[in-house]
Amino acid sequence: MNKLDKNQISKLGHKINQLKKRISRTEISGNMEKVEFRKMRINKIKKKILEFSKKK
């Protein structure tokens, strides 16, 4: 994730949606081990998107 450019913003949005779906599925099944890690990844991706939008 260190080498991201503006062209990958749509891919990042897709990744956020994937992580959110995984979180919702694990909440249903009760397996909460990786939820905090996934939330951290979502926040990290959102920060990258904000950095790209500020550079424009």
N, C-alpha and C. Protein backbone atom coordinates (compact mmCIF):
# COMPACT_ATOMS: atom_id res chain seq x y z
N MET A 1 0.81 -1.20 0.00
CA MET A 1 0.00 0.00 0.00
C MET A 1 0.85 1.26 0.00
N ASN A 2 2.12 1.14 0.08
CA ASN A 2 2.98 2.32 0.11
C ASN A 2 3.06 3.01 -1.24
N LYS A 3 2.91 2.28 -2.34
CA LYS A 3 3.10 2.81 -3.68
C LYS A 3 1.77 3.07 -4.37
N LEU A 4 0.92 3.87 -3.78
CA LEU A 4 -0.39 4.13 -4.36
C LEU A 4 -0.37 5.42 -5.17
N ASP A 5 -1.18 5.46 -6.21
CA ASP A 5 -1.33 6.70 -6.96
C ASP A 5 -2.81 7.02 -7.13
N LYS A 6 -3.10 8.15 -7.78
CA LYS A 6 -4.48 8.63 -7.89
C LYS A 6 -5.36 7.65 -8.66
N ASN A 7 -4.80 6.90 -9.57
CA ASN A 7 -5.58 6.00 -10.40
C ASN A 7 -6.15 4.83 -9.61
N GLN A 8 -5.68 4.60 -8.41
CA GLN A 8 -6.13 3.46 -7.62
C GLN A 8 -7.20 3.80 -6.60
N ILE A 9 -7.74 5.00 -6.65
CA ILE A 9 -8.73 5.39 -5.65
C ILE A 9 -9.97 4.51 -5.73
N SER A 10 -10.41 4.17 -6.93
CA SER A 10 -11.60 3.32 -7.05
C SER A 10 -11.32 1.92 -6.49
N LYS A 11 -10.11 1.44 -6.67
CA LYS A 11 -9.74 0.14 -6.10
C LYS A 11 -9.74 0.20 -4.58
N LEU A 12 -9.31 1.33 -4.04
CA LEU A 12 -9.29 1.48 -2.59
C LEU A 12 -10.71 1.49 -2.03
N GLY A 13 -11.61 2.16 -2.73
CA GLY A 13 -13.01 2.17 -2.30
C GLY A 13 -13.59 0.76 -2.30
N HIS A 14 -13.24 -0.01 -3.31
CA HIS A 14 -13.68 -1.40 -3.38
C HIS A 14 -13.12 -2.20 -2.21
N LYS A 15 -11.87 -1.96 -1.86
CA LYS A 15 -11.23 -2.66 -0.75
C LYS A 15 -11.92 -2.33 0.57
N ILE A 16 -12.29 -1.06 0.75
CA ILE A 16 -13.01 -0.65 1.96
C ILE A 16 -14.32 -1.41 2.06
N ASN A 17 -15.04 -1.50 0.93
CA ASN A 17 -16.33 -2.22 0.94
C ASN A 17 -16.13 -3.69 1.26
N GLN A 18 -15.08 -4.30 0.74
CA GLN A 18 -14.79 -5.70 1.06
C GLN A 18 -14.56 -5.88 2.55
N LEU A 19 -13.75 -4.99 3.14
CA LEU A 19 -13.45 -5.11 4.56
C LEU A 19 -14.71 -4.92 5.40
N LYS A 20 -15.58 -3.99 5.01
CA LYS A 20 -16.83 -3.77 5.74
C LYS A 20 -17.72 -5.01 5.68
N LYS A 21 -17.77 -5.67 4.51
CA LYS A 21 -18.57 -6.89 4.39
C LYS A 21 -18.02 -7.98 5.27
N ARG A 22 -16.70 -8.10 5.33
CA ARG A 22 -16.09 -9.12 6.18
C ARG A 22 -16.40 -8.85 7.65
N ILE A 23 -16.37 -7.58 8.05
CA ILE A 23 -16.68 -7.23 9.44
C ILE A 23 -18.12 -7.62 9.75
N SER A 24 -19.05 -7.31 8.85
CA SER A 24 -20.45 -7.64 9.13
C SER A 24 -20.67 -9.15 9.20
N ARG A 25 -19.97 -9.91 8.35
CA ARG A 25 -20.11 -11.37 8.39
C ARG A 25 -19.54 -11.95 9.68
N THR A 26 -18.41 -11.39 10.14
CA THR A 26 -17.83 -11.93 11.37
C THR A 26 -18.66 -11.56 12.58
N GLU A 27 -19.36 -10.42 12.53
CA GLU A 27 -20.24 -10.08 13.65
C GLU A 27 -21.39 -11.06 13.74
N ILE A 28 -21.85 -11.54 12.60
CA ILE A 28 -22.95 -12.52 12.59
C ILE A 28 -22.46 -13.86 13.13
N SER A 29 -21.27 -14.27 12.69
CA SER A 29 -20.77 -15.58 13.11
C SER A 29 -20.19 -15.56 14.52
N GLY A 30 -19.83 -14.37 15.02
CA GLY A 30 -19.31 -14.27 16.37
C GLY A 30 -17.80 -14.36 16.46
N ASN A 31 -17.12 -14.49 15.34
CA ASN A 31 -15.66 -14.57 15.33
C ASN A 31 -15.09 -13.16 15.23
N MET A 32 -14.77 -12.56 16.38
CA MET A 32 -14.39 -11.14 16.43
C MET A 32 -12.89 -10.92 16.50
N GLU A 33 -12.09 -11.92 16.16
CA GLU A 33 -10.64 -11.81 16.31
C GLU A 33 -10.04 -10.71 15.44
N LYS A 34 -10.43 -10.65 14.17
CA LYS A 34 -9.76 -9.76 13.24
C LYS A 34 -10.53 -8.48 12.95
N VAL A 35 -11.59 -8.21 13.69
CA VAL A 35 -12.41 -7.03 13.41
C VAL A 35 -11.62 -5.75 13.64
N GLU A 36 -10.88 -5.67 14.73
CA GLU A 36 -10.11 -4.46 15.02
C GLU A 36 -9.05 -4.21 13.96
N PHE A 37 -8.40 -5.28 13.49
CA PHE A 37 -7.40 -5.14 12.43
C PHE A 37 -8.04 -4.61 11.15
N ARG A 38 -9.22 -5.13 10.81
CA ARG A 38 -9.90 -4.69 9.60
C ARG A 38 -10.34 -3.24 9.71
N LYS A 39 -10.80 -2.83 10.89
CA LYS A 39 -11.17 -1.43 11.09
C LYS A 39 -9.95 -0.52 10.96
N MET A 40 -8.81 -0.99 11.45
CA MET A 40 -7.57 -0.22 11.32
C MET A 40 -7.21 -0.07 9.85
N ARG A 41 -7.35 -1.15 9.06
CA ARG A 41 -7.05 -1.09 7.63
C ARG A 41 -7.96 -0.11 6.91
N ILE A 42 -9.26 -0.10 7.27
CA ILE A 42 -10.21 0.83 6.66
C ILE A 42 -9.78 2.26 6.93
N ASN A 43 -9.40 2.57 8.18
CA ASN A 43 -8.96 3.92 8.52
C ASN A 43 -7.70 4.29 7.77
N LYS A 44 -6.79 3.36 7.60
CA LYS A 44 -5.55 3.61 6.88
C LYS A 44 -5.83 3.93 5.42
N ILE A 45 -6.74 3.20 4.80
CA ILE A 45 -7.09 3.44 3.40
C ILE A 45 -7.78 4.79 3.26
N LYS A 46 -8.66 5.14 4.21
CA LYS A 46 -9.35 6.43 4.15
C LYS A 46 -8.36 7.59 4.26
N LYS A 47 -7.34 7.42 5.09
CA LYS A 47 -6.31 8.46 5.21
C LYS A 47 -5.56 8.64 3.90
N LYS A 48 -5.26 7.52 3.21
CA LYS A 48 -4.58 7.60 1.92
C LYS A 48 -5.44 8.35 0.90
N ILE A 49 -6.74 8.08 0.89
CA ILE A 49 -7.63 8.75 -0.05
C ILE A 49 -7.67 10.25 0.24
N LEU A 50 -7.70 10.62 1.52
CA LEU A 50 -7.70 12.03 1.89
C LEU A 50 -6.40 12.71 1.46
N GLU A 51 -5.29 12.01 1.58
CA GLU A 51 -4.01 12.57 1.13
C GLU A 51 -4.05 12.85 -0.36
N PHE A 52 -4.62 11.93 -1.14
CA PHE A 52 -4.72 12.14 -2.59
C PHE A 52 -5.61 13.33 -2.93
N SER A 53 -6.71 13.46 -2.20
CA SER A 53 -7.63 14.57 -2.49
C SER A 53 -7.03 15.92 -2.11
N LYS A 54 -6.18 15.95 -1.08
CA LYS A 54 -5.53 17.21 -0.68
C LYS A 54 -4.47 17.64 -1.69
N LYS A 55 -3.82 16.65 -2.35
CA LYS A 55 -2.78 16.97 -3.32
C LYS A 55 -3.34 17.55 -4.59
N LYS A 56 -4.63 17.31 -4.88
CA LYS A 56 -5.23 17.81 -6.12
C LYS A 56 -5.30 19.28 -6.09
